[in-house]
Amino acid sequence: MPESIINETNLALDRYDGNVFVITMRKAPENRLNSAYAQKLIGAFNTVRKLLGEDAEGAVITKGNDAKFWCTGLELDESDSNPYANSEGFFPLLATIMDFPFPTIALITGHTFGGAGPFALSHDYRVMNSKRGFFSMPPVNLGLHFPGIGTLPRLKLRPQVARAMLLEAKRWTGEEARKDGIVDLVAEPDKMLDVALELARQWAPKAKMGVFSLLRNELYGEAGRAFREISYVHGKPTGSPAKAKI
């Protein structure tokens, strides 16, 4: 049985096998991200980091709470009252995951839209529901932009796939996403967690020598730097607000 570390209304953190942790998002509606919730997720990642310590084996899975939604992006209305909402929450969340010293897995239980795209891509591995849910980044349809929005698709995906994601707002099913290299594995809804846990156990030992995040930054450091440059910035705009909202 997993050990409960955090058990709150909208977020849970459970420990499996001593060194594999599962963060479960359960924020209504649809696990949409605002600055406060992004900070809560950052806190969960930091809790894992402190519990595991230096040069330890470990991995983190970020999952949704049901088979319909993983995350449907940002609460776009928050920027109406706080133009720095993303700089205080979403961008630091991406930077935290990109710099995390242990392997990370996005367990994409269902629909993954908008800002959930870079959120998922910031993880090292992705496992997606084979039966339900679409993966789509539609900023081109919303008139939305922030510096660095294209770095993860460009660094992690084939050029044609990155183009379809960012410039065409294509929607992928789980199997289509696997074929295009957006996700690593697809799994039946009742097997998804088991598949993600197996993947986490496979790669958790790679963190033991203490260079996992250093080597990740050799591959994708440009993205991490882009997100850090717009995190906790209040003296200038860090992106354009969406012209349309969903």
C-alpha atoms as a PDB file:
ATOM      1  CA  MET A   1       0.000   0.000   0.000  1.00  0.00           C
ATOM      2  CA  PRO A   2       1.272   3.511  -0.786  1.00  0.00           C
ATOM      3  CA  GLU A   3       2.172   5.856   2.042  1.00  0.00           C
ATOM      4  CA  SER A   4       0.191   9.111   2.067  1.00  0.00           C
ATOM      5  CA  ILE A   5       2.455  12.159   2.365  1.00  0.00           C
ATOM      6  CA  ILE A   6      -0.044  14.881   1.407  1.00  0.00           C
ATOM      7  CA  ASN A   7      -3.807  14.348   1.262  1.00  0.00           C
ATOM      8  CA  GLU A   8      -5.638  17.576   0.551  1.00  0.00           C
ATOM      9  CA  THR A   9      -8.880  18.330  -1.234  1.00  0.00           C
ATOM     10  CA  ASN A  10      -7.239  19.214  -4.547  1.00  0.00           C
ATOM     11  CA  LEU A  11      -3.885  17.405  -4.378  1.00  0.00           C
ATOM     12  CA  ALA A  12      -2.428  14.178  -3.049  1.00  0.00           C
ATOM     13  CA  LEU A  13       1.151  12.948  -2.777  1.00  0.00           C
ATOM     14  CA  ASP A  14       1.717   9.227  -2.188  1.00  0.00           C
ATOM     15  CA  ARG A  15       4.928   7.273  -1.772  1.00  0.00           C
ATOM     16  CA  TYR A  16       5.351   3.866  -3.413  1.00  0.00           C
ATOM     17  CA  ASP A  17       8.182   1.395  -2.842  1.00  0.00           C
ATOM     18  CA  GLY A  18      10.182   3.931  -0.871  1.00  0.00           C
ATOM     19  CA  ASN A  19      11.406   6.022  -3.789  1.00  0.00           C
ATOM     20  CA  VAL A  20       8.565   6.423  -6.318  1.00  0.00           C
ATOM     21  CA  PHE A  21       6.097   9.234  -5.635  1.00  0.00           C
ATOM     22  CA  VAL A  22       2.729   9.915  -7.260  1.00  0.00           C
ATOM     23  CA  ILE A  23       1.254  13.426  -7.339  1.00  0.00           C
ATOM     24  CA  THR A  24      -2.478  13.282  -8.022  1.00  0.00           C
ATOM     25  CA  MET A  25      -4.147  16.450  -9.271  1.00  0.00           C
ATOM     26  CA  ARG A  26      -7.782  16.691  -8.246  1.00  0.00           C
ATOM     27  CA  LYS A  27      -8.621  20.348  -8.666  1.00  0.00           C
ATOM     28  CA  ALA A  28     -12.013  21.220 -10.092  1.00  0.00           C
ATOM     29  CA  PRO A  29     -12.665  22.057 -12.818  1.00  0.00           C
ATOM     30  CA  GLU A  30     -10.551  19.789 -15.000  1.00  0.00           C
ATOM     31  CA  ASN A  31      -7.300  20.350 -13.044  1.00  0.00           C
ATOM     32  CA  ARG A  32      -6.879  23.802 -14.550  1.00  0.00           C
ATOM     33  CA  LEU A  33      -3.800  25.631 -13.306  1.00  0.00           C
ATOM     34  CA  ASN A  34      -3.747  28.959 -11.524  1.00  0.00           C
ATOM     35  CA  SER A  35      -0.825  30.553  -9.704  1.00  0.00           C
ATOM     36  CA  ALA A  36      -1.783  29.151  -6.293  1.00  0.00           C
ATOM     37  CA  TYR A  37      -2.236  25.615  -7.590  1.00  0.00           C
ATOM     38  CA  ALA A  38       0.998  25.739  -9.578  1.00  0.00           C
ATOM     39  CA  GLN A  39       2.760  26.738  -6.370  1.00  0.00           C
ATOM     40  CA  LYS A  40       1.111  23.814  -4.588  1.00  0.00           C
ATOM     41  CA  LEU A  41       2.467  21.462  -7.261  1.00  0.00           C
ATOM     42  CA  ILE A  42       5.911  23.030  -6.900  1.00  0.00           C
ATOM     43  CA  GLY A  43       5.640  22.391  -3.166  1.00  0.00           C
ATOM     44  CA  ALA A  44       4.877  18.715  -3.815  1.00  0.00           C
ATOM     45  CA  PHE A  45       7.926  18.347  -6.059  1.00  0.00           C
ATOM     46  CA  ASN A  46      10.080  20.074  -3.443  1.00  0.00           C
ATOM     47  CA  THR A  47       8.716  17.759  -0.743  1.00  0.00           C
ATOM     48  CA  VAL A  48       9.805  14.753  -2.790  1.00  0.00           C
ATOM     49  CA  ARG A  49      13.227  16.249  -3.398  1.00  0.00           C
ATOM     50  CA  LYS A  50      13.769  16.843   0.319  1.00  0.00           C
ATOM     51  CA  LEU A  51      12.483  13.406   1.335  1.00  0.00           C
ATOM     52  CA  LEU A  52      14.767  11.619  -1.115  1.00  0.00           C
ATOM     53  CA  GLY A  53      17.852  13.707  -0.410  1.00  0.00           C
ATOM     54  CA  GLU A  54      21.010  13.982  -2.462  1.00  0.00           C
ATOM     55  CA  ASP A  55      22.216  11.385  -4.981  1.00  0.00           C
ATOM     56  CA  ALA A  56      19.310   9.044  -4.276  1.00  0.00           C
ATOM     57  CA  GLU A  57      17.177   6.812  -6.437  1.00  0.00           C
ATOM     58  CA  GLY A  58      13.723   8.184  -7.111  1.00  0.00           C
ATOM     59  CA  ALA A  59      11.050   9.233  -9.575  1.00  0.00           C
ATOM     60  CA  VAL A  60       7.823  11.230  -9.646  1.00  0.00           C
ATOM     61  CA  ILE A  61       4.575  10.556 -11.510  1.00  0.00           C
ATOM     62  CA  THR A  62       2.087  13.399 -12.064  1.00  0.00           C
ATOM     63  CA  LYS A  63      -1.401  12.040 -12.737  1.00  0.00           C
ATOM     64  CA  GLY A  64      -4.966  13.209 -13.047  1.00  0.00           C
ATOM     65  CA  ASN A  65      -7.675  12.014 -10.713  1.00  0.00           C
ATOM     66  CA  ASP A  66      -9.877  10.350 -13.326  1.00  0.00           C
ATOM     67  CA  ALA A  67      -9.872   8.971 -16.854  1.00  0.00           C
ATOM     68  CA  LYS A  68     -11.520  12.021 -18.416  1.00  0.00           C
ATOM     69  CA  PHE A  69      -9.069  14.858 -17.737  1.00  0.00           C
ATOM     70  CA  TRP A  70      -5.377  15.195 -16.994  1.00  0.00           C
ATOM     71  CA  CYS A  71      -5.214  18.989 -17.166  1.00  0.00           C
ATOM     72  CA  THR A  72      -6.988  21.454 -19.430  1.00  0.00           C
ATOM     73  CA  GLY A  73      -4.442  24.230 -19.150  1.00  0.00           C
ATOM     74  CA  LEU A  74      -4.532  27.553 -17.374  1.00  0.00           C
ATOM     75  CA  GLU A  75      -7.275  29.500 -15.674  1.00  0.00           C
ATOM     76  CA  LEU A  76      -7.068  32.273 -18.260  1.00  0.00           C
ATOM     77  CA  ASP A  77      -9.436  34.535 -16.303  1.00  0.00           C
ATOM     78  CA  GLU A  78      -6.848  34.895 -13.528  1.00  0.00           C
ATOM     79  CA  SER A  79      -4.708  37.135 -15.722  1.00  0.00           C
ATOM     80  CA  ASP A  80      -7.581  39.659 -15.886  1.00  0.00           C
ATOM     81  CA  SER A  81      -6.959  40.569 -12.244  1.00  0.00           C
ATOM     82  CA  ASN A  82      -3.306  39.546 -11.986  1.00  0.00           C
ATOM     83  CA  PRO A  83      -1.210  40.078 -15.133  1.00  0.00           C
ATOM     84  CA  TYR A  84       1.703  38.308 -13.413  1.00  0.00           C
ATOM     85  CA  ALA A  85      -0.228  35.141 -12.598  1.00  0.00           C
ATOM     86  CA  ASN A  86       1.777  32.934 -14.936  1.00  0.00           C
ATOM     87  CA  SER A  87       5.077  34.442 -13.811  1.00  0.00           C
ATOM     88  CA  GLU A  88       4.123  33.603 -10.231  1.00  0.00           C
ATOM     89  CA  GLY A  89       2.913  30.076 -10.920  1.00  0.00           C
ATOM     90  CA  PHE A  90       2.932  28.370 -14.298  1.00  0.00           C
ATOM     91  CA  PHE A  91       6.407  29.373 -15.487  1.00  0.00           C
ATOM     92  CA  PRO A  92       8.094  28.483 -12.163  1.00  0.00           C
ATOM     93  CA  LEU A  93       6.282  25.117 -12.266  1.00  0.00           C
ATOM     94  CA  LEU A  94       7.756  24.315 -15.667  1.00  0.00           C
ATOM     95  CA  ALA A  95      11.191  25.477 -14.516  1.00  0.00           C
ATOM     96  CA  THR A  96      10.949  23.320 -11.384  1.00  0.00           C
ATOM     97  CA  ILE A  97      10.164  20.171 -13.348  1.00  0.00           C
ATOM     98  CA  MET A  98      12.861  20.860 -15.935  1.00  0.00           C
ATOM     99  CA  ASP A  99      15.429  21.189 -13.131  1.00  0.00           C
ATOM    100  CA  PHE A 100      14.138  18.320 -10.968  1.00  0.00           C
ATOM    101  CA  PRO A 101      16.954  15.928  -9.977  1.00  0.00           C
ATOM    102  CA  PHE A 102      14.855  12.770 -10.471  1.00  0.00           C
ATOM    103  CA  PRO A 103      13.048  11.277 -13.497  1.00  0.00           C
ATOM    104  CA  THR A 104       9.519  12.585 -13.991  1.00  0.00           C
ATOM    105  CA  ILE A 105       6.553  10.927 -15.700  1.00  0.00           C
ATOM    106  CA  ALA A 106       3.318  12.601 -16.795  1.00  0.00           C
ATOM    107  CA  LEU A 107       0.525  10.052 -16.480  1.00  0.00           C
ATOM    108  CA  ILE A 108      -1.905  11.609 -18.949  1.00  0.00           C
ATOM    109  CA  THR A 109      -5.173  10.159 -17.743  1.00  0.00           C
ATOM    110  CA  GLY A 110      -7.398  12.168 -20.098  1.00  0.00           C
ATOM    111  CA  HIS A 111      -7.788  15.437 -21.998  1.00  0.00           C
ATOM    112  CA  THR A 112      -4.636  17.575 -22.101  1.00  0.00           C
ATOM    113  CA  PHE A 113      -5.195  21.027 -23.555  1.00  0.00           C
ATOM    114  CA  GLY A 114      -3.447  24.387 -23.776  1.00  0.00           C
ATOM    115  CA  GLY A 115      -0.844  25.020 -21.083  1.00  0.00           C
ATOM    116  CA  ALA A 116      -1.078  21.367 -20.140  1.00  0.00           C
ATOM    117  CA  GLY A 117       0.934  20.712 -23.313  1.00  0.00           C
ATOM    118  CA  PRO A 118       4.203  22.249 -22.075  1.00  0.00           C
ATOM    119  CA  PHE A 119       3.344  20.974 -18.580  1.00  0.00           C
ATOM    120  CA  ALA A 120       3.297  17.413 -19.939  1.00  0.00           C
ATOM    121  CA  LEU A 121       6.320  17.954 -22.179  1.00  0.00           C
ATOM    122  CA  SER A 122       8.350  19.274 -19.252  1.00  0.00           C
ATOM    123  CA  HIS A 123       8.275  15.744 -17.801  1.00  0.00           C
ATOM    124  CA  ASP A 124      10.864  13.222 -18.957  1.00  0.00           C
ATOM    125  CA  TYR A 125       8.315  10.559 -19.961  1.00  0.00           C
ATOM    126  CA  ARG A 126       4.636  10.522 -20.843  1.00  0.00           C
ATOM    127  CA  VAL A 127       2.100   7.709 -20.556  1.00  0.00           C
ATOM    128  CA  MET A 128      -1.332   8.386 -22.082  1.00  0.00           C
ATOM    129  CA  ASN A 129      -4.784   6.866 -21.835  1.00  0.00           C
ATOM    130  CA  SER A 130      -5.300   4.601 -24.840  1.00  0.00           C
ATOM    131  CA  LYS A 131      -9.089   4.938 -24.788  1.00  0.00           C
ATOM    132  CA  ARG A 132      -9.939   8.517 -23.984  1.00  0.00           C
ATOM    133  CA  GLY A 133      -8.578  12.027 -24.181  1.00  0.00           C
ATOM    134  CA  PHE A 134      -6.961  14.379 -26.688  1.00  0.00           C
ATOM    135  CA  PHE A 135      -3.630  16.178 -26.534  1.00  0.00           C
ATOM    136  CA  SER A 136      -3.713  19.669 -28.056  1.00  0.00           C
ATOM    137  CA  MET A 137      -1.942  23.022 -27.709  1.00  0.00           C
ATOM    138  CA  PRO A 138      -4.156  25.708 -29.337  1.00  0.00           C
ATOM    139  CA  PRO A 139      -2.412  29.052 -28.583  1.00  0.00           C
ATOM    140  CA  VAL A 140      -2.570  29.906 -32.278  1.00  0.00           C
ATOM    141  CA  ASN A 141      -6.373  29.774 -32.006  1.00  0.00           C
ATOM    142  CA  LEU A 142      -6.464  31.783 -28.778  1.00  0.00           C
ATOM    143  CA  GLY A 143      -4.014  34.550 -29.695  1.00  0.00           C
ATOM    144  CA  LEU A 144      -1.822  33.542 -26.750  1.00  0.00           C
ATOM    145  CA  HIS A 145       1.959  33.723 -26.495  1.00  0.00           C
ATOM    146  CA  PHE A 146       4.744  33.712 -23.936  1.00  0.00           C
ATOM    147  CA  PRO A 147       8.522  33.696 -24.540  1.00  0.00           C
ATOM    148  CA  GLY A 148       9.723  30.110 -24.779  1.00  0.00           C
ATOM    149  CA  ILE A 149       6.343  28.575 -25.596  1.00  0.00           C
ATOM    150  CA  GLY A 150       7.847  26.712 -28.537  1.00  0.00           C
ATOM    151  CA  THR A 151      11.047  25.453 -26.936  1.00  0.00           C
ATOM    152  CA  LEU A 152       9.792  22.136 -25.569  1.00  0.00           C
ATOM    153  CA  PRO A 153       7.951  21.105 -28.759  1.00  0.00           C
ATOM    154  CA  ARG A 154      11.020  22.090 -30.806  1.00  0.00           C
ATOM    155  CA  LEU A 155      13.522  20.322 -28.546  1.00  0.00           C
ATOM    156  CA  LYS A 156      11.532  17.167 -27.845  1.00  0.00           C
ATOM    157  CA  LEU A 157       9.524  16.524 -31.005  1.00  0.00           C
ATOM    158  CA  ARG A 158      10.170  16.072 -34.708  1.00  0.00           C
ATOM    159  CA  PRO A 159       9.935  19.367 -36.642  1.00  0.00           C
ATOM    160  CA  GLN A 160       6.729  18.388 -38.440  1.00  0.00           C
ATOM    161  CA  VAL A 161       5.088  17.336 -35.165  1.00  0.00           C
ATOM    162  CA  ALA A 162       6.185  20.528 -33.393  1.00  0.00           C
ATOM    163  CA  ARG A 163       4.749  22.567 -36.275  1.00  0.00           C
ATOM    164  CA  ALA A 164       1.433  20.733 -36.124  1.00  0.00           C
ATOM    165  CA  MET A 165       1.304  21.249 -32.359  1.00  0.00           C
ATOM    166  CA  LEU A 166       2.132  24.936 -32.158  1.00  0.00           C
ATOM    167  CA  LEU A 167       1.050  26.390 -35.510  1.00  0.00           C
ATOM    168  CA  GLU A 168      -1.881  24.123 -36.411  1.00  0.00           C
ATOM    169  CA  ALA A 169      -3.387  23.286 -32.983  1.00  0.00           C
ATOM    170  CA  LYS A 170      -3.676  19.641 -33.992  1.00  0.00           C
ATOM    171  CA  ARG A 171      -5.435  17.201 -31.663  1.00  0.00           C
ATOM    172  CA  TRP A 172      -3.900  13.801 -31.029  1.00  0.00           C
ATOM    173  CA  THR A 173      -5.475  10.700 -29.559  1.00  0.00           C
ATOM    174  CA  GLY A 174      -3.277   8.586 -27.321  1.00  0.00           C
ATOM    175  CA  GLU A 175      -2.252   6.202 -30.072  1.00  0.00           C
ATOM    176  CA  GLU A 176      -1.628   9.045 -32.533  1.00  0.00           C
ATOM    177  CA  ALA A 177       0.479  10.814 -29.908  1.00  0.00           C
ATOM    178  CA  ARG A 178       2.525   7.651 -29.379  1.00  0.00           C
ATOM    179  CA  LYS A 179       3.170   7.271 -33.106  1.00  0.00           C
ATOM    180  CA  ASP A 180       4.302  10.903 -33.348  1.00  0.00           C
ATOM    181  CA  GLY A 181       6.585  10.598 -30.320  1.00  0.00           C
ATOM    182  CA  ILE A 182       4.627  12.987 -28.091  1.00  0.00           C
ATOM    183  CA  VAL A 183       4.066  10.236 -25.541  1.00  0.00           C
ATOM    184  CA  ASP A 184       6.207   7.186 -24.846  1.00  0.00           C
ATOM    185  CA  LEU A 185       3.491   4.662 -24.004  1.00  0.00           C
ATOM    186  CA  VAL A 186      -0.264   4.261 -24.066  1.00  0.00           C
ATOM    187  CA  ALA A 187      -2.166   2.072 -21.649  1.00  0.00           C
ATOM    188  CA  GLU A 188      -5.680   0.920 -20.840  1.00  0.00           C
ATOM    189  CA  PRO A 189      -7.377   3.175 -18.275  1.00  0.00           C
ATOM    190  CA  ASP A 190      -7.290   0.538 -15.530  1.00  0.00           C
ATOM    191  CA  LYS A 191      -3.628  -0.266 -16.246  1.00  0.00           C
ATOM    192  CA  MET A 192      -2.242   3.259 -16.656  1.00  0.00           C
ATOM    193  CA  LEU A 193      -0.933   3.663 -13.134  1.00  0.00           C
ATOM    194  CA  ASP A 194       0.716   0.248 -13.155  1.00  0.00           C
ATOM    195  CA  VAL A 195       2.450   1.066 -16.443  1.00  0.00           C
ATOM    196  CA  ALA A 196       3.652   4.428 -15.096  1.00  0.00           C
ATOM    197  CA  LEU A 197       4.874   2.839 -11.861  1.00  0.00           C
ATOM    198  CA  GLU A 198       6.814   0.223 -13.817  1.00  0.00           C
ATOM    199  CA  LEU A 199       8.407   2.970 -15.897  1.00  0.00           C
ATOM    200  CA  ALA A 200       9.241   4.941 -12.746  1.00  0.00           C
ATOM    201  CA  ARG A 201      10.858   1.917 -11.112  1.00  0.00           C
ATOM    202  CA  GLN A 202      12.863   1.288 -14.260  1.00  0.00           C
ATOM    203  CA  TRP A 203      14.394   4.771 -14.385  1.00  0.00           C
ATOM    204  CA  ALA A 204      14.465   5.797 -10.700  1.00  0.00           C
ATOM    205  CA  PRO A 205      17.984   4.301 -10.226  1.00  0.00           C
ATOM    206  CA  LYS A 206      19.376   6.650 -12.895  1.00  0.00           C
ATOM    207  CA  ALA A 207      19.184   9.531 -10.413  1.00  0.00           C
ATOM    208  CA  LYS A 208      21.506   7.834  -7.924  1.00  0.00           C
ATOM    209  CA  MET A 209      24.763   9.312  -9.243  1.00  0.00           C
ATOM    210  CA  GLY A 210      23.464  12.875  -8.894  1.00  0.00           C
ATOM    211  CA  VAL A 211      23.856  14.025 -12.490  1.00  0.00           C
ATOM    212  CA  PHE A 212      20.400  13.295 -13.917  1.00  0.00           C
ATOM    213  CA  SER A 213      19.267  16.928 -14.030  1.00  0.00           C
ATOM    214  CA  LEU A 214      22.680  18.062 -15.296  1.00  0.00           C
ATOM    215  CA  LEU A 215      22.470  15.651 -18.203  1.00  0.00           C
ATOM    216  CA  ARG A 216      18.839  16.583 -18.885  1.00  0.00           C
ATOM    217  CA  ASN A 217      19.935  20.190 -19.148  1.00  0.00           C
ATOM    218  CA  GLU A 218      22.473  19.187 -21.770  1.00  0.00           C
ATOM    219  CA  LEU A 219      19.512  18.072 -23.874  1.00  0.00           C
ATOM    220  CA  TYR A 220      16.790  20.576 -22.978  1.00  0.00           C
ATOM    221  CA  GLY A 221      18.471  23.322 -20.960  1.00  0.00           C
ATOM    222  CA  GLU A 222      17.319  25.992 -23.379  1.00  0.00           C
ATOM    223  CA  ALA A 223      13.730  25.398 -22.279  1.00  0.00           C
ATOM    224  CA  GLY A 224      14.558  25.537 -18.594  1.00  0.00           C
ATOM    225  CA  ARG A 225      16.449  28.803 -19.069  1.00  0.00           C
ATOM    226  CA  ALA A 226      13.543  30.294 -21.027  1.00  0.00           C
ATOM    227  CA  PHE A 227      11.089  29.479 -18.243  1.00  0.00           C
ATOM    228  CA  ARG A 228      13.394  30.775 -15.510  1.00  0.00           C
ATOM    229  CA  GLU A 229      13.829  34.071 -17.340  1.00  0.00           C
ATOM    230  CA  ILE A 230      10.092  34.782 -17.105  1.00  0.00           C
ATOM    231  CA  SER A 231       9.537  33.390 -13.598  1.00  0.00           C
ATOM    232  CA  TYR A 232       8.877  35.811 -10.731  1.00  0.00           C
ATOM    233  CA  VAL A 233       9.167  38.795 -13.083  1.00  0.00           C
ATOM    234  CA  HIS A 234       6.997  41.824 -12.256  1.00  0.00           C
ATOM    235  CA  GLY A 235       8.814  44.672 -13.967  1.00  0.00           C
ATOM    236  CA  LYS A 236       7.784  43.795 -17.503  1.00  0.00           C
ATOM    237  CA  PRO A 237       5.167  41.735 -19.362  1.00  0.00           C
ATOM    238  CA  THR A 238       6.032  38.046 -19.681  1.00  0.00           C
ATOM    239  CA  GLY A 239       3.557  37.174 -22.420  1.00  0.00           C
ATOM    240  CA  SER A 240       0.453  38.358 -24.194  1.00  0.00           C
ATOM    241  CA  PRO A 241      -2.957  37.541 -22.682  1.00  0.00           C
ATOM    242  CA  ALA A 242      -5.244  35.334 -24.704  1.00  0.00           C
ATOM    243  CA  LYS A 243      -7.501  37.163 -27.162  1.00  0.00           C
ATOM    244  CA  ALA A 244     -10.013  34.326 -26.957  1.00  0.00           C
ATOM    245  CA  LYS A 245     -10.802  32.064 -24.021  1.00  0.00           C
ATOM    246  CA  ILE A 246     -12.140  28.535 -23.672  1.00  0.00           C
END
